[in-house]
């Protein structure tokens, strides 16, 4: 289970005095505990993965802002945090894999124009899960649907 892995990784980071890694793991664990308290329930591994993915996305967006502001120190710190979070996430699909999945979805649901974009996106998110970013799915689906016209 992911919660146990996070706890083990936290202990290891503390032993190794890896402050950045320790902080990232603590932050994820705090988010999980907060969500569990709010909902008064135990989170599944899938729900925990969603929390990790959300934190990962926040850092990627913040990294771009720091790059624009020429804050190399903060960019480097965020790179380390992103790398740590990626250890818990499924491997991202490459563009070719994503194109194959989206093409099969378009064929399966009979999508022919941009009007069908919502249906394609919904099915793609179900099939790809956290292995693909919504922006990437959107971009590829848009290209494929505009070509078909």
Protein backbone atom coordinates (compact mmCIF):
# COMPACT_ATOMS: atom_id res chain seq x y z
CA UNK A 1 0.00 0.00 0.00
CA UNK A 2 1.19 3.49 -0.81
CA UNK A 3 0.68 4.86 2.70
CA UNK A 4 3.12 2.34 4.11
CA UNK A 5 5.64 3.10 1.37
CA UNK A 6 5.35 6.80 2.15
CA UNK A 7 5.97 6.14 5.85
CA UNK A 8 9.00 3.95 5.06
CA UNK A 9 10.35 6.59 2.68
CA UNK A 10 9.84 9.29 5.30
CA UNK A 11 11.84 7.30 7.85
CA UNK A 12 14.59 6.68 5.30
CA UNK A 13 14.74 10.35 4.29
CA UNK A 14 15.05 11.33 7.95
CA UNK A 15 17.87 8.84 8.50
CA UNK A 16 19.67 10.06 5.39
CA UNK A 17 19.02 13.68 6.42
CA UNK A 18 17.51 14.33 2.99
CA UNK A 19 15.46 17.39 3.97
CA UNK A 20 13.87 18.04 0.59
CA UNK A 21 12.64 14.47 0.20
CA UNK A 22 11.45 14.39 3.82
CA UNK A 23 9.45 17.58 3.30
CA UNK A 24 7.80 16.29 0.12
CA UNK A 25 6.79 12.98 1.71
CA UNK A 26 5.53 14.75 4.84
CA UNK A 27 3.47 17.12 2.71
CA UNK A 28 1.88 14.21 0.81
CA UNK A 29 1.14 12.35 4.04
CA UNK A 30 -0.39 15.50 5.55
CA UNK A 31 -2.62 15.93 2.47
CA UNK A 32 -3.73 12.31 2.77
CA UNK A 33 -4.50 12.63 6.48
CA UNK A 34 -6.40 15.87 5.91
CA UNK A 35 -8.51 14.32 3.17
CA UNK A 36 -9.21 11.27 5.36
CA UNK A 37 -10.27 13.48 8.27
CA UNK A 38 -12.46 15.66 6.05
CA UNK A 39 -14.25 12.65 4.57
CA UNK A 40 -14.04 10.52 7.73
CA UNK A 41 -12.84 7.57 5.65
CA UNK A 42 -9.76 5.62 4.66
CA UNK A 43 -8.41 6.59 1.22
CA UNK A 44 -7.74 3.96 -1.42
CA UNK A 45 -4.45 3.77 -3.29
CA UNK A 46 -6.14 5.33 -6.32
CA UNK A 47 -7.32 8.30 -4.27
CA UNK A 48 -3.84 8.68 -2.80
CA UNK A 49 -2.37 8.61 -6.31
CA UNK A 50 -4.74 11.44 -7.27
CA UNK A 51 -3.45 13.53 -4.36
CA UNK A 52 0.15 12.86 -5.40
CA UNK A 53 -0.68 13.71 -9.04
CA UNK A 54 -2.28 16.99 -7.95
CA UNK A 55 0.80 17.95 -5.93
CA UNK A 56 3.01 16.95 -8.88
CA UNK A 57 1.01 19.17 -11.23
CA UNK A 58 1.19 22.13 -8.81
CA UNK A 59 4.96 21.89 -8.75
CA UNK A 60 5.29 21.66 -12.51
CA UNK A 61 3.19 24.80 -12.90
CA UNK A 62 5.13 26.62 -10.18
CA UNK A 63 8.43 25.59 -11.79
CA UNK A 64 7.43 27.41 -14.99
CA UNK A 65 6.66 30.56 -13.02
CA UNK A 66 10.00 30.39 -11.23
CA UNK A 67 11.79 29.94 -14.55
CA UNK A 68 10.13 33.09 -15.88
CA UNK A 69 11.28 34.92 -12.75
CA UNK A 70 14.86 33.61 -13.18
CA UNK A 71 14.83 31.83 -9.81
CA UNK A 72 17.20 28.97 -10.59
CA UNK A 73 17.49 28.05 -6.89
CA UNK A 74 13.75 27.45 -6.58
CA UNK A 75 13.58 25.69 -9.95
CA UNK A 76 16.24 23.24 -8.78
CA UNK A 77 14.36 22.58 -5.53
CA UNK A 78 11.11 21.98 -7.42
CA UNK A 79 12.91 19.66 -9.84
CA UNK A 80 13.94 17.52 -6.87
CA UNK A 81 10.41 17.57 -5.46
CA UNK A 82 8.93 16.63 -8.85
CA UNK A 83 11.39 13.77 -9.18
CA UNK A 84 10.42 12.49 -5.72
CA UNK A 85 6.69 12.65 -6.50
CA UNK A 86 7.19 10.87 -9.84
CA UNK A 87 8.50 7.82 -7.95
CA UNK A 88 4.95 7.23 -6.68
CA UNK A 89 3.12 7.91 -9.96
CA UNK A 90 2.65 5.49 -12.85
CA UNK A 91 5.02 5.89 -15.79
CA UNK A 92 3.77 8.54 -18.20
CA UNK A 93 2.63 7.38 -21.63
CA UNK A 94 4.75 8.64 -24.48
CA UNK A 95 3.16 10.51 -27.37
CA UNK A 96 2.95 7.44 -29.64
CA UNK A 97 1.16 5.35 -26.98
CA UNK A 98 -1.23 8.20 -26.27
CA UNK A 99 -1.98 8.69 -29.97
CA UNK A 100 -2.78 4.97 -30.30
CA UNK A 101 -5.18 5.05 -27.35
CA UNK A 102 -6.93 8.22 -28.53
CA UNK A 103 -7.20 6.92 -32.10
CA UNK A 104 -8.90 3.74 -30.85
CA UNK A 105 -11.28 5.81 -28.69
CA UNK A 106 -12.21 8.03 -31.65
CA UNK A 107 -12.89 4.96 -33.79
CA UNK A 108 -14.80 3.19 -31.01
CA UNK A 109 -17.18 6.04 -30.21
CA UNK A 110 -17.42 7.23 -33.82
CA UNK A 111 -16.13 10.73 -33.11
CA UNK A 112 -15.97 12.85 -36.26
CA UNK A 113 -15.66 16.49 -35.16
CA UNK A 114 -14.77 18.80 -32.29
CA UNK A 115 -18.35 18.35 -31.03
CA UNK A 116 -17.25 14.89 -29.86
CA UNK A 117 -14.24 16.25 -27.93
CA UNK A 118 -15.92 15.86 -24.52
CA UNK A 119 -16.71 12.20 -25.10
CA UNK A 120 -13.18 11.51 -26.32
CA UNK A 121 -11.61 13.32 -23.35
CA UNK A 122 -13.83 11.52 -20.84
CA UNK A 123 -13.00 8.06 -22.21
CA UNK A 124 -9.30 8.90 -22.56
CA UNK A 125 -9.08 9.99 -18.90
CA UNK A 126 -10.70 6.69 -17.88
CA UNK A 127 -8.36 4.57 -20.01
CA UNK A 128 -5.15 6.49 -19.35
CA UNK A 129 -5.73 7.51 -15.75
CA UNK A 130 -2.70 9.19 -14.24
CA UNK A 131 -0.40 7.88 -16.98
CA UNK A 132 -1.34 10.83 -19.22
CA UNK A 133 -1.78 14.53 -18.63
CA UNK A 134 -5.11 16.09 -19.58
CA UNK A 135 -3.39 18.77 -21.66
CA UNK A 136 -1.57 16.16 -23.73
CA UNK A 137 -4.78 14.19 -24.26
CA UNK A 138 -6.58 17.37 -25.28
CA UNK A 139 -3.89 18.43 -27.73
CA UNK A 140 -3.67 15.05 -29.48
CA UNK A 141 -7.45 14.59 -29.58
CA UNK A 142 -7.87 18.08 -31.03
CA UNK A 143 -5.30 17.35 -33.76
CA UNK A 144 -6.97 14.06 -34.65
CA UNK A 145 -10.50 15.44 -34.67
CA UNK A 146 -9.58 18.43 -36.82
CA UNK A 147 -7.73 16.20 -39.30
CA UNK A 148 -10.79 13.98 -39.71
CA UNK A 149 -12.82 16.92 -41.07
